[in-house]
Amino acid sequence: MIVVNLAIIVVLAYVLGSIPFALIISRIWKGIDIREHGSRNAGFTNVYRVIGPLPAALVLILDISKGAAAVLLPIQILPHTLPLSPVDVKILAALCVMMGHVFPLFAGFRGGKGIATGLGALLSIIPLEATLALVLFVLIVAITRYVSLGSLSAAAFIFLALLFERYYLKIQVNDHLLAAMLLLNGFIFFNHRGNIKRLLSGTENKFGRRRREVN
């Protein structure tokens, strides 16, 4: 039963993460595969640049929602038979839903970078830290107009905030949560390696600059 329940958590979170909302909405809105236009990334920023703000907002909301759903659903459907503590279940689900978003089963394993989905998951686990990271993201994007810089800064902030809480404020922080955030940071920075190179060279695209490649 423990193995079955673990499998349910992993599969459910991965499948939810694999729903490619950027591809679905871009096909409905313009009949295109968003991965063939703009930055070729299946995320809300590229949808904004190529198609427009309304479909981009829908992608953002849906990606955040699937991250939150993947974390919260196992607690609801397996309340008395969970093989792990509720926090560890949420952490496992968060990792799996991000894997699903980045390597989606339903889109040839070519997905987005996982920021919005990760945000939804983390808002369900550490709402305060995730909300502060979101505020930091918005401020950095508003000032610099670099979404990638805001995303990287927000991811790093959450990990550093947890370290600060544990070692300076002496707040009990789950060991698995710290390990997961370190892993996610490495994963996010790796996925943004191209953006980091462009940021360093001054060639990164700024948010708000539309690309009208499709009619």
N, C-alpha and C. Protein backbone atom coordinates (compact mmCIF):
# COMPACT_ATOMS: atom_id res chain seq x y z
N MET A 1 0.83 -1.22 0.00
CA MET A 1 0.00 0.00 0.00
C MET A 1 0.86 1.26 0.00
N ILE A 2 1.96 1.24 0.74
CA ILE A 2 2.84 2.41 0.78
C ILE A 2 3.40 2.70 -0.60
N VAL A 3 3.84 1.65 -1.28
CA VAL A 3 4.40 1.84 -2.63
C VAL A 3 3.34 2.36 -3.58
N VAL A 4 2.13 1.82 -3.47
CA VAL A 4 1.03 2.26 -4.34
C VAL A 4 0.71 3.73 -4.10
N ASN A 5 0.64 4.13 -2.84
CA ASN A 5 0.33 5.53 -2.53
C ASN A 5 1.43 6.48 -3.01
N LEU A 6 2.68 6.06 -2.84
CA LEU A 6 3.78 6.87 -3.36
C LEU A 6 3.67 7.01 -4.87
N ALA A 7 3.33 5.91 -5.54
CA ALA A 7 3.19 5.94 -7.00
C ALA A 7 2.06 6.87 -7.41
N ILE A 8 0.95 6.85 -6.66
CA ILE A 8 -0.17 7.74 -6.96
C ILE A 8 0.25 9.20 -6.85
N ILE A 9 0.97 9.53 -5.79
CA ILE A 9 1.42 10.91 -5.59
C ILE A 9 2.33 11.35 -6.74
N VAL A 10 3.30 10.51 -7.07
CA VAL A 10 4.27 10.84 -8.13
C VAL A 10 3.58 10.97 -9.47
N VAL A 11 2.75 10.00 -9.82
CA VAL A 11 2.09 10.00 -11.14
C VAL A 11 1.10 11.15 -11.25
N LEU A 12 0.30 11.36 -10.21
CA LEU A 12 -0.68 12.45 -10.24
C LEU A 12 -0.01 13.79 -10.43
N ALA A 13 1.03 14.06 -9.66
CA ALA A 13 1.73 15.34 -9.76
C ALA A 13 2.40 15.49 -11.13
N TYR A 14 3.04 14.43 -11.59
CA TYR A 14 3.71 14.51 -12.89
C TYR A 14 2.72 14.72 -14.03
N VAL A 15 1.60 14.02 -14.00
CA VAL A 15 0.60 14.16 -15.05
C VAL A 15 0.00 15.57 -15.05
N LEU A 16 -0.31 16.09 -13.86
CA LEU A 16 -0.81 17.46 -13.78
C LEU A 16 0.22 18.44 -14.35
N GLY A 17 1.49 18.25 -13.99
CA GLY A 17 2.53 19.12 -14.51
C GLY A 17 2.68 19.01 -16.02
N SER A 18 2.33 17.86 -16.56
CA SER A 18 2.51 17.62 -17.99
C SER A 18 1.44 18.27 -18.86
N ILE A 19 0.40 18.83 -18.25
CA ILE A 19 -0.62 19.51 -19.06
C ILE A 19 0.00 20.79 -19.62
N PRO A 20 0.21 20.86 -20.93
CA PRO A 20 0.96 21.99 -21.52
C PRO A 20 0.06 23.17 -21.86
N PHE A 21 -0.31 23.93 -20.87
CA PHE A 21 -1.27 25.01 -21.09
C PHE A 21 -0.78 26.04 -22.11
N ALA A 22 0.52 26.31 -22.14
CA ALA A 22 1.04 27.27 -23.12
C ALA A 22 0.81 26.77 -24.54
N LEU A 23 1.00 25.48 -24.76
CA LEU A 23 0.77 24.90 -26.09
C LEU A 23 -0.72 24.87 -26.42
N ILE A 24 -1.52 24.46 -25.45
CA ILE A 24 -2.97 24.36 -25.68
C ILE A 24 -3.55 25.73 -26.04
N ILE A 25 -3.20 26.74 -25.25
CA ILE A 25 -3.77 28.07 -25.49
C ILE A 25 -3.23 28.69 -26.76
N SER A 26 -1.95 28.48 -27.06
CA SER A 26 -1.40 29.04 -28.30
C SER A 26 -2.04 28.38 -29.52
N ARG A 27 -2.37 27.11 -29.42
CA ARG A 27 -3.04 26.44 -30.55
C ARG A 27 -4.47 26.93 -30.69
N ILE A 28 -5.17 27.10 -29.57
CA ILE A 28 -6.55 27.60 -29.63
C ILE A 28 -6.59 29.04 -30.13
N TRP A 29 -5.65 29.86 -29.63
CA TRP A 29 -5.69 31.29 -29.92
C TRP A 29 -5.21 31.60 -31.34
N LYS A 30 -4.09 30.96 -31.74
CA LYS A 30 -3.49 31.31 -33.03
C LYS A 30 -3.23 30.10 -33.94
N GLY A 31 -3.51 28.90 -33.44
CA GLY A 31 -3.26 27.72 -34.25
C GLY A 31 -1.79 27.43 -34.46
N ILE A 32 -0.97 27.78 -33.46
CA ILE A 32 0.48 27.59 -33.59
C ILE A 32 1.02 26.78 -32.42
N ASP A 33 2.22 26.26 -32.60
CA ASP A 33 2.98 25.66 -31.51
C ASP A 33 3.92 26.74 -31.00
N ILE A 34 3.69 27.22 -29.79
CA ILE A 34 4.46 28.35 -29.27
C ILE A 34 5.95 28.03 -29.21
N ARG A 35 6.32 26.76 -29.20
CA ARG A 35 7.72 26.36 -29.14
C ARG A 35 8.44 26.58 -30.47
N GLU A 36 7.70 26.98 -31.48
CA GLU A 36 8.30 27.27 -32.79
C GLU A 36 8.40 28.77 -33.06
N HIS A 37 8.11 29.58 -32.04
CA HIS A 37 8.10 31.03 -32.22
C HIS A 37 8.78 31.71 -31.03
N GLY A 38 9.21 32.95 -31.26
CA GLY A 38 9.82 33.74 -30.19
C GLY A 38 11.04 33.06 -29.61
N SER A 39 11.05 32.94 -28.30
CA SER A 39 12.18 32.29 -27.61
C SER A 39 12.08 30.77 -27.66
N ARG A 40 10.96 30.26 -28.22
CA ARG A 40 10.70 28.81 -28.33
C ARG A 40 10.49 28.14 -26.97
N ASN A 41 10.15 28.94 -25.98
CA ASN A 41 9.88 28.39 -24.65
C ASN A 41 8.37 28.31 -24.44
N ALA A 42 7.93 27.21 -23.84
CA ALA A 42 6.50 27.02 -23.59
C ALA A 42 6.13 27.60 -22.25
N GLY A 43 6.19 28.93 -22.17
CA GLY A 43 5.87 29.62 -20.92
C GLY A 43 5.09 30.89 -21.19
N PHE A 44 4.59 31.51 -20.12
CA PHE A 44 3.72 32.67 -20.29
C PHE A 44 4.44 33.86 -20.89
N THR A 45 5.74 34.02 -20.62
CA THR A 45 6.48 35.17 -21.17
C THR A 45 6.53 35.10 -22.69
N ASN A 46 6.81 33.93 -23.21
CA ASN A 46 6.87 33.77 -24.66
C ASN A 46 5.49 33.90 -25.28
N VAL A 47 4.46 33.40 -24.60
CA VAL A 47 3.09 33.57 -25.09
C VAL A 47 2.74 35.05 -25.15
N TYR A 48 3.16 35.80 -24.14
CA TYR A 48 2.91 37.25 -24.14
C TYR A 48 3.58 37.92 -25.35
N ARG A 49 4.84 37.60 -25.56
CA ARG A 49 5.58 38.24 -26.64
C ARG A 49 5.01 37.91 -28.02
N VAL A 50 4.60 36.67 -28.19
CA VAL A 50 4.19 36.21 -29.52
C VAL A 50 2.70 36.43 -29.78
N ILE A 51 1.87 36.19 -28.76
CA ILE A 51 0.42 36.22 -28.99
C ILE A 51 -0.25 37.41 -28.32
N GLY A 52 0.07 37.66 -27.03
CA GLY A 52 -0.55 38.80 -26.38
C GLY A 52 -0.77 38.60 -24.90
N PRO A 53 -1.21 39.65 -24.20
CA PRO A 53 -1.30 39.62 -22.74
C PRO A 53 -2.41 38.72 -22.20
N LEU A 54 -3.57 38.67 -22.85
CA LEU A 54 -4.68 37.87 -22.32
C LEU A 54 -4.36 36.37 -22.34
N PRO A 55 -3.93 35.81 -23.48
CA PRO A 55 -3.56 34.39 -23.43
C PRO A 55 -2.39 34.11 -22.49
N ALA A 56 -1.46 35.06 -22.38
CA ALA A 56 -0.34 34.89 -21.46
C ALA A 56 -0.83 34.83 -20.02
N ALA A 57 -1.80 35.69 -19.68
CA ALA A 57 -2.36 35.69 -18.33
C ALA A 57 -3.06 34.36 -18.03
N LEU A 58 -3.75 33.82 -19.02
CA LEU A 58 -4.41 32.53 -18.83
C LEU A 58 -3.39 31.42 -18.59
N VAL A 59 -2.31 31.44 -19.35
CA VAL A 59 -1.24 30.45 -19.17
C VAL A 59 -0.66 30.56 -17.77
N LEU A 60 -0.39 31.79 -17.34
CA LEU A 60 0.20 32.02 -16.02
C LEU A 60 -0.72 31.48 -14.91
N ILE A 61 -1.99 31.82 -14.99
CA ILE A 61 -2.95 31.40 -13.96
C ILE A 61 -3.07 29.87 -13.93
N LEU A 62 -3.16 29.26 -15.11
CA LEU A 62 -3.32 27.81 -15.18
C LEU A 62 -2.07 27.07 -14.73
N ASP A 63 -0.90 27.60 -15.07
CA ASP A 63 0.34 26.95 -14.64
C ASP A 63 0.52 27.04 -13.12
N ILE A 64 0.19 28.19 -12.55
CA ILE A 64 0.25 28.33 -11.09
C ILE A 64 -0.76 27.38 -10.44
N SER A 65 -1.95 27.30 -11.03
CA SER A 65 -3.01 26.47 -10.46
C SER A 65 -2.64 24.99 -10.48
N LYS A 66 -2.01 24.53 -11.55
CA LYS A 66 -1.68 23.10 -11.60
C LYS A 66 -0.57 22.77 -10.59
N GLY A 67 0.32 23.72 -10.34
CA GLY A 67 1.33 23.51 -9.31
C GLY A 67 0.71 23.38 -7.93
N ALA A 68 -0.25 24.26 -7.64
CA ALA A 68 -0.94 24.21 -6.35
C ALA A 68 -1.78 22.95 -6.23
N ALA A 69 -2.48 22.59 -7.29
CA ALA A 69 -3.34 21.40 -7.26
C ALA A 69 -2.53 20.13 -7.03
N ALA A 70 -1.38 20.04 -7.67
CA ALA A 70 -0.55 18.84 -7.52
C ALA A 70 -0.09 18.65 -6.08
N VAL A 71 0.13 19.74 -5.38
CA VAL A 71 0.59 19.68 -3.99
C VAL A 71 -0.56 19.39 -3.03
N LEU A 72 -1.73 19.95 -3.32
CA LEU A 72 -2.86 19.84 -2.38
C LEU A 72 -3.71 18.60 -2.58
N LEU A 73 -3.81 18.09 -3.80
CA LEU A 73 -4.70 16.96 -4.07
C LEU A 73 -4.34 15.69 -3.30
N PRO A 74 -3.05 15.29 -3.22
CA PRO A 74 -2.75 14.06 -2.49
C PRO A 74 -3.22 14.09 -1.04
N ILE A 75 -3.15 15.26 -0.41
CA ILE A 75 -3.60 15.38 0.98
C ILE A 75 -5.10 15.15 1.07
N GLN A 76 -5.83 15.53 0.01
CA GLN A 76 -7.28 15.40 0.02
C GLN A 76 -7.74 13.99 -0.32
N ILE A 77 -7.06 13.34 -1.27
CA ILE A 77 -7.55 12.04 -1.74
C ILE A 77 -6.94 10.87 -0.97
N LEU A 78 -5.83 11.11 -0.25
CA LEU A 78 -5.20 10.05 0.53
C LEU A 78 -4.96 10.51 1.98
N PRO A 79 -5.99 11.03 2.64
CA PRO A 79 -5.77 11.67 3.95
C PRO A 79 -5.32 10.73 5.06
N HIS A 80 -5.70 9.46 5.00
CA HIS A 80 -5.40 8.56 6.11
C HIS A 80 -4.38 7.47 5.75
N THR A 81 -3.93 7.50 4.52
CA THR A 81 -3.03 6.42 4.08
C THR A 81 -1.74 6.95 3.48
N LEU A 82 -1.35 8.15 3.87
CA LEU A 82 -0.13 8.73 3.31
C LEU A 82 1.10 8.04 3.88
N PRO A 83 2.06 7.69 3.01
CA PRO A 83 3.26 7.00 3.49
C PRO A 83 4.29 7.95 4.09
N LEU A 84 4.09 9.25 3.92
CA LEU A 84 5.03 10.26 4.40
C LEU A 84 4.27 11.29 5.22
N SER A 85 5.01 12.18 5.88
CA SER A 85 4.36 13.29 6.57
C SER A 85 3.73 14.22 5.53
N PRO A 86 2.70 14.98 5.90
CA PRO A 86 2.05 15.88 4.95
C PRO A 86 3.04 16.83 4.26
N VAL A 87 4.02 17.34 5.01
CA VAL A 87 5.00 18.25 4.42
C VAL A 87 5.85 17.53 3.38
N ASP A 88 6.28 16.31 3.69
CA ASP A 88 7.10 15.55 2.75
C ASP A 88 6.31 15.16 1.51
N VAL A 89 5.02 14.87 1.68
CA VAL A 89 4.16 14.58 0.53
C VAL A 89 4.10 15.79 -0.39
N LYS A 90 3.92 16.97 0.20
CA LYS A 90 3.86 18.20 -0.59
C LYS A 90 5.18 18.45 -1.32
N ILE A 91 6.29 18.21 -0.65
CA ILE A 91 7.60 18.42 -1.27
C ILE A 91 7.79 17.47 -2.45
N LEU A 92 7.44 16.21 -2.25
CA LEU A 92 7.55 15.23 -3.33
C LEU A 92 6.67 15.62 -4.51
N ALA A 93 5.44 16.02 -4.22
CA ALA A 93 4.52 16.43 -5.29
C ALA A 93 5.04 17.67 -6.02
N ALA A 94 5.62 18.61 -5.28
CA ALA A 94 6.17 19.82 -5.90
C ALA A 94 7.28 19.48 -6.88
N LEU A 95 8.17 18.59 -6.48
CA LEU A 95 9.26 18.18 -7.38
C LEU A 95 8.71 17.51 -8.62
N CYS A 96 7.71 16.65 -8.44
CA CYS A 96 7.17 15.90 -9.56
C CYS A 96 6.37 16.77 -10.52
N VAL A 97 5.62 17.73 -9.99
CA VAL A 97 4.84 18.59 -10.88
C VAL A 97 5.76 19.48 -11.70
N MET A 98 6.88 19.91 -11.12
CA MET A 98 7.84 20.70 -11.90
C MET A 98 8.51 19.86 -12.98
N MET A 99 8.82 18.60 -12.65
CA MET A 99 9.38 17.70 -13.67
C MET A 99 8.39 17.51 -14.81
N GLY A 100 7.12 17.40 -14.45
CA GLY A 100 6.10 17.25 -15.47
C GLY A 100 6.00 18.47 -16.36
N HIS A 101 6.12 19.65 -15.77
CA HIS A 101 6.04 20.88 -16.57
C HIS A 101 7.24 21.02 -17.51
N VAL A 102 8.42 20.72 -17.01
CA VAL A 102 9.63 20.88 -17.82
C VAL A 102 9.77 19.74 -18.84
N PHE A 103 9.37 18.54 -18.44
CA PHE A 103 9.45 17.37 -19.33
C PHE A 103 8.06 16.76 -19.47
N PRO A 104 7.14 17.44 -20.17
CA PRO A 104 5.74 17.02 -20.21
C PRO A 104 5.49 15.77 -21.06
N LEU A 105 4.77 14.84 -20.46
CA LEU A 105 4.41 13.61 -21.16
C LEU A 105 3.58 13.90 -22.40
N PHE A 106 2.73 14.91 -22.33
CA PHE A 106 1.79 15.19 -23.41
C PHE A 106 2.32 16.17 -24.45
N ALA A 107 3.59 16.52 -24.37
CA ALA A 107 4.14 17.50 -25.33
C ALA A 107 5.55 17.12 -25.74
N GLY A 108 5.79 15.82 -25.89
CA GLY A 108 7.09 15.37 -26.37
C GLY A 108 8.23 15.67 -25.43
N PHE A 109 7.94 15.84 -24.14
CA PHE A 109 8.96 16.11 -23.11
C PHE A 109 9.70 17.43 -23.37
N ARG A 110 9.04 18.36 -24.05
CA ARG A 110 9.60 19.70 -24.30
C ARG A 110 8.65 20.73 -23.71
N GLY A 111 8.92 21.13 -22.47
CA GLY A 111 8.03 22.05 -21.80
C GLY A 111 8.67 23.39 -21.48
N GLY A 112 8.15 24.04 -20.45
CA GLY A 112 8.66 25.34 -20.03
C GLY A 112 9.75 25.20 -18.99
N LYS A 113 9.99 26.28 -18.27
CA LYS A 113 11.09 26.30 -17.30
C LYS A 113 10.63 26.12 -15.86
N GLY A 114 9.34 26.05 -15.65
CA GLY A 114 8.83 25.63 -14.34
C GLY A 114 8.63 26.71 -13.31
N ILE A 115 8.81 27.97 -13.65
CA ILE A 115 8.73 29.03 -12.64
C ILE A 115 7.31 29.20 -12.11
N ALA A 116 6.34 29.37 -13.00
CA ALA A 116 4.95 29.59 -12.56
C ALA A 116 4.41 28.37 -11.84
N THR A 117 4.69 27.18 -12.37
CA THR A 117 4.23 25.95 -11.74
C THR A 117 4.88 25.77 -10.37
N GLY A 118 6.18 26.07 -10.30
CA GLY A 118 6.88 25.99 -9.03
C GLY A 118 6.33 26.98 -8.02
N LEU A 119 5.95 28.17 -8.49
CA LEU A 119 5.36 29.17 -7.60
C LEU A 119 4.06 28.64 -6.99
N GLY A 120 3.21 28.06 -7.84
CA GLY A 120 1.95 27.52 -7.34
C GLY A 120 2.17 26.45 -6.29
N ALA A 121 3.16 25.58 -6.54
CA ALA A 121 3.46 24.52 -5.58
C ALA A 121 3.98 25.10 -4.27
N LEU A 122 4.90 26.05 -4.35
CA LEU A 122 5.51 26.60 -3.14
C LEU A 122 4.54 27.48 -2.35
N LEU A 123 3.60 28.12 -3.04
CA LEU A 123 2.58 28.89 -2.31
C LEU A 123 1.75 27.98 -1.42
N SER A 124 1.68 26.70 -1.79
CA SER A 124 0.92 25.74 -1.01
C SER A 124 1.74 25.10 0.10
N ILE A 125 3.05 25.32 0.08
CA ILE A 125 3.93 24.72 1.09
C ILE A 125 4.47 25.79 2.05
N ILE A 126 5.03 26.83 1.49
CA ILE A 126 5.60 27.92 2.28
C ILE A 126 5.04 29.25 1.76
N PRO A 127 3.78 29.53 2.08
CA PRO A 127 3.11 30.69 1.49
C PRO A 127 3.79 32.03 1.75
N LEU A 128 4.33 32.23 2.95
CA LEU A 128 4.96 33.52 3.26
C LEU A 128 6.19 33.74 2.39
N GLU A 129 7.08 32.77 2.39
CA GLU A 129 8.32 32.90 1.62
C GLU A 129 8.03 33.00 0.13
N ALA A 130 7.07 32.22 -0.35
CA ALA A 130 6.73 32.25 -1.77
C ALA A 130 6.11 33.59 -2.16
N THR A 131 5.28 34.14 -1.27
CA THR A 131 4.67 35.44 -1.56
C THR A 131 5.72 36.54 -1.59
N LEU A 132 6.65 36.52 -0.64
CA LEU A 132 7.74 37.51 -0.65
C LEU A 132 8.60 37.36 -1.90
N ALA A 133 8.82 36.13 -2.32
CA ALA A 133 9.59 35.90 -3.55
C ALA A 133 8.85 36.45 -4.75
N LEU A 134 7.53 36.30 -4.75
CA LEU A 134 6.71 36.86 -5.85
C LEU A 134 6.81 38.37 -5.88
N VAL A 135 6.76 39.00 -4.71
CA VAL A 135 6.91 40.46 -4.63
C VAL A 135 8.28 40.88 -5.17
N LEU A 136 9.32 40.14 -4.79
CA LEU A 136 10.67 40.44 -5.29
C LEU A 136 10.73 40.28 -6.80
N PHE A 137 10.11 39.22 -7.31
CA PHE A 137 10.06 38.99 -8.76
C PHE A 137 9.43 40.18 -9.48
N VAL A 138 8.27 40.62 -8.97
CA VAL A 138 7.56 41.73 -9.60
C VAL A 138 8.41 43.00 -9.58
N LEU A 139 9.06 43.28 -8.45
CA LEU A 139 9.90 44.47 -8.34
C LEU A 139 11.06 44.44 -9.32
N ILE A 140 11.73 43.30 -9.40
CA ILE A 140 12.89 43.20 -10.29
C ILE A 140 12.47 43.33 -11.74
N VAL A 141 11.36 42.67 -12.10
CA VAL A 141 10.89 42.77 -13.50
C VAL A 141 10.44 44.20 -13.81
N ALA A 142 9.79 44.85 -12.84
CA ALA A 142 9.34 46.23 -13.05
C ALA A 142 10.53 47.18 -13.24
N ILE A 143 11.61 46.92 -12.51
CA ILE A 143 12.78 47.80 -12.59
C ILE A 143 13.65 47.50 -13.80
N THR A 144 13.90 46.21 -14.03
CA THR A 144 14.85 45.83 -15.09
C THR A 144 14.18 45.36 -16.37
N ARG A 145 12.92 44.88 -16.25
CA ARG A 145 12.15 44.28 -17.34
C ARG A 145 12.76 42.97 -17.83
N TYR A 146 13.56 42.34 -16.97
CA TYR A 146 14.10 41.02 -17.28
C TYR A 146 13.35 39.97 -16.45
N VAL A 147 12.49 39.20 -17.11
CA VAL A 147 11.74 38.16 -16.40
C VAL A 147 12.68 37.09 -15.87
N SER A 148 13.69 36.74 -16.65
CA SER A 148 14.63 35.70 -16.22
C SER A 148 15.37 36.12 -14.95
N LEU A 149 15.78 37.37 -14.86
CA LEU A 149 16.47 37.85 -13.67
C LEU A 149 15.54 37.82 -12.46
N GLY A 150 14.27 38.20 -12.67
CA GLY A 150 13.30 38.13 -11.59
C GLY A 150 13.07 36.71 -11.13
N SER A 151 13.01 35.77 -12.08
CA SER A 151 12.77 34.37 -11.75
C SER A 151 13.94 33.78 -10.96
N LEU A 152 15.15 34.04 -11.42
CA LEU A 152 16.34 33.52 -10.74
C LEU A 152 16.48 34.12 -9.34
N SER A 153 16.21 35.41 -9.23
CA SER A 153 16.30 36.08 -7.93
C SER A 153 15.27 35.54 -6.96
N ALA A 154 14.05 35.31 -7.44
CA ALA A 154 13.00 34.80 -6.57
C ALA A 154 13.32 33.39 -6.08
N ALA A 155 13.84 32.54 -6.98
CA ALA A 155 14.20 31.18 -6.59
C ALA A 155 15.30 31.19 -5.54
N ALA A 156 16.33 31.99 -5.77
CA ALA A 156 17.43 32.07 -4.82
C ALA A 156 16.96 32.65 -3.48
N PHE A 157 16.04 33.63 -3.54
CA PHE A 157 15.53 34.25 -2.32
C PHE A 157 14.87 33.24 -1.40
N ILE A 158 14.05 32.35 -1.97
CA ILE A 158 13.34 31.38 -1.14
C ILE A 158 14.32 30.48 -0.40
N PHE A 159 15.34 29.99 -1.10
CA PHE A 159 16.32 29.13 -0.45
C PHE A 159 17.08 29.88 0.63
N LEU A 160 17.52 31.10 0.32
CA LEU A 160 18.25 31.90 1.30
C LEU A 160 17.37 32.28 2.49
N ALA A 161 16.09 32.54 2.23
CA ALA A 161 15.16 32.88 3.32
C ALA A 161 15.00 31.70 4.28
N LEU A 162 14.92 30.49 3.73
CA LEU A 162 14.80 29.31 4.58
C LEU A 162 16.07 29.10 5.41
N LEU A 163 17.22 29.34 4.80
CA LEU A 163 18.48 29.24 5.55
C LEU A 163 18.53 30.28 6.67
N PHE A 164 18.10 31.49 6.36
CA PHE A 164 18.07 32.57 7.36
C PHE A 164 17.15 32.20 8.52
N GLU A 165 15.98 31.68 8.20
CA GLU A 165 15.03 31.30 9.24
C GLU A 165 15.61 30.21 10.14
N ARG A 166 16.28 29.26 9.53
CA ARG A 166 16.79 28.11 10.30
C ARG A 166 18.00 28.48 11.15
N TYR A 167 18.97 29.15 10.55
CA TYR A 167 20.25 29.33 11.25
C TYR A 167 20.37 30.67 11.99
N TYR A 168 19.56 31.66 11.62
CA TYR A 168 19.62 32.94 12.31
C TYR A 168 18.43 33.14 13.24
N LEU A 169 17.24 32.88 12.74
CA LEU A 169 16.04 33.04 13.57
C LEU A 169 15.75 31.81 14.41
N LYS A 170 16.47 30.71 14.14
CA LYS A 170 16.32 29.46 14.88
C LYS A 170 14.91 28.88 14.77
N ILE A 171 14.31 29.07 13.59
CA ILE A 171 13.01 28.48 13.31
C ILE A 171 13.23 27.08 12.74
N GLN A 172 12.41 26.14 13.16
CA GLN A 172 12.54 24.78 12.65
C GLN A 172 12.11 24.73 11.19
N VAL A 173 13.04 24.36 10.32
CA VAL A 173 12.76 24.24 8.89
C VAL A 173 13.02 22.79 8.48
N ASN A 174 12.08 22.21 7.79
CA ASN A 174 12.16 20.82 7.37
C ASN A 174 13.43 20.57 6.55
N ASP A 175 14.20 19.53 6.93
CA ASP A 175 15.43 19.20 6.20
C ASP A 175 15.15 18.87 4.74
N HIS A 176 14.07 18.15 4.50
CA HIS A 176 13.73 17.76 3.13
C HIS A 176 13.35 18.98 2.30
N LEU A 177 12.73 19.97 2.95
CA LEU A 177 12.37 21.19 2.24
C LEU A 177 13.62 21.95 1.80
N LEU A 178 14.59 22.05 2.70
CA LEU A 178 15.85 22.71 2.35
C LEU A 178 16.55 21.98 1.21
N ALA A 179 16.59 20.66 1.29
CA ALA A 179 17.24 19.88 0.23
C ALA A 179 16.50 20.05 -1.09
N ALA A 180 15.16 20.05 -1.03
CA ALA A 180 14.37 20.22 -2.25
C ALA A 180 14.59 21.58 -2.87
N MET A 181 14.68 22.63 -2.04
CA MET A 181 14.89 23.97 -2.57
C MET A 181 16.28 24.12 -3.18
N LEU A 182 17.27 23.46 -2.58
CA LEU A 182 18.60 23.48 -3.18
C LEU A 182 18.58 22.78 -4.53
N LEU A 183 17.89 21.64 -4.60
CA LEU A 183 17.77 20.91 -5.86
C LEU A 183 17.03 21.73 -6.90
N LEU A 184 15.92 22.35 -6.49
CA LEU A 184 15.13 23.16 -7.43
C LEU A 184 15.90 24.37 -7.91
N ASN A 185 16.69 24.97 -7.05
CA ASN A 185 17.50 26.11 -7.47
C ASN A 185 18.51 25.69 -8.54
N GLY A 186 19.17 24.55 -8.30
CA GLY A 186 20.10 24.06 -9.30
C GLY A 186 19.41 23.78 -10.61
N PHE A 187 18.22 23.19 -10.53
CA PHE A 187 17.45 22.86 -11.72
C PHE A 187 17.02 24.12 -12.46
N ILE A 188 16.52 25.11 -11.72
CA ILE A 188 16.06 26.36 -12.33
C ILE A 188 17.21 27.12 -12.97
N PHE A 189 18.33 27.21 -12.27
CA PHE A 189 19.48 27.92 -12.84
C PHE A 189 20.01 27.19 -14.07
N PHE A 190 19.97 25.85 -14.05
CA PHE A 190 20.40 25.09 -15.23
C PHE A 190 19.48 25.36 -16.41
N ASN A 191 18.17 25.38 -16.16
CA ASN A 191 17.21 25.64 -17.23
C ASN A 191 17.33 27.06 -17.78
N HIS A 192 17.85 27.96 -16.96
CA HIS A 192 18.01 29.36 -17.38
C HIS A 192 19.45 29.67 -17.82
N ARG A 193 20.23 28.66 -18.11
CA ARG A 193 21.64 28.91 -18.45
C ARG A 193 21.78 29.80 -19.68
N GLY A 194 20.89 29.63 -20.66
CA GLY A 194 20.92 30.50 -21.83
C GLY A 194 20.58 31.92 -21.47
N ASN A 195 19.58 32.10 -20.61
CA ASN A 195 19.20 33.44 -20.16
C ASN A 195 20.34 34.10 -19.39
N ILE A 196 21.04 33.30 -18.56
CA ILE A 196 22.15 33.85 -17.78
C ILE A 196 23.25 34.36 -18.71
N LYS A 197 23.55 33.60 -19.75
CA LYS A 197 24.57 34.04 -20.71
C LYS A 197 24.15 35.34 -21.38
N ARG A 198 22.85 35.44 -21.75
CA ARG A 198 22.37 36.65 -22.41
C ARG A 198 22.32 37.84 -21.45
N LEU A 199 22.00 37.57 -20.18
CA LEU A 199 22.02 38.64 -19.18
C LEU A 199 23.43 39.20 -19.03
N LEU A 200 24.41 38.32 -18.98
CA LEU A 200 25.79 38.74 -18.81
C LEU A 200 26.32 39.49 -20.03
N SER A 201 25.79 39.12 -21.20
CA SER A 201 26.26 39.78 -22.43
C SER A 201 25.41 40.98 -22.82
N GLY A 202 24.31 41.20 -22.06
CA GLY A 202 23.44 42.34 -22.34
C GLY A 202 22.51 42.13 -23.52
N THR A 203 22.26 40.88 -23.91
CA THR A 203 21.42 40.61 -25.07
C THR A 203 20.09 39.95 -24.69
N GLU A 204 19.79 39.86 -23.41
CA GLU A 204 18.55 39.22 -22.98
C GLU A 204 17.34 40.07 -23.38
N ASN A 205 16.26 39.40 -23.82
CA ASN A 205 15.03 40.11 -24.19
C ASN A 205 14.36 40.70 -22.96
N LYS A 206 13.83 41.88 -23.11
CA LYS A 206 13.14 42.54 -22.01
C LYS A 206 11.64 42.31 -22.12
N PHE A 207 11.00 42.18 -20.96
CA PHE A 207 9.56 41.96 -20.91
C PHE A 207 8.84 43.22 -21.39
N GLY A 208 7.79 43.01 -22.18
CA GLY A 208 7.03 44.14 -22.71
C GLY A 208 7.31 44.37 -24.18
N ARG A 209 8.38 43.75 -24.66
CA ARG A 209 8.71 43.88 -26.08
C ARG A 209 8.02 42.77 -26.84
N ARG A 210 7.01 43.11 -27.63
CA ARG A 210 6.22 42.11 -28.34
C ARG A 210 6.89 41.72 -29.65
N ARG A 211 6.69 40.46 -30.03
CA ARG A 211 7.17 39.96 -31.32
C ARG A 211 5.95 39.53 -32.12
N ARG A 212 5.64 40.23 -33.16
CA ARG A 212 4.47 39.87 -33.95
C ARG A 212 4.93 39.00 -35.13
N GLU A 213 5.06 37.70 -34.82
CA GLU A 213 5.53 36.77 -35.82
C GLU A 213 4.38 36.03 -36.49
N VAL A 214 3.20 36.08 -35.88
CA VAL A 214 2.07 35.35 -36.42
C VAL A 214 0.89 36.31 -36.58
N ASN A 215 0.05 36.01 -37.52
CA ASN A 215 -1.12 36.85 -37.80
C ASN A 215 -2.40 36.14 -37.35
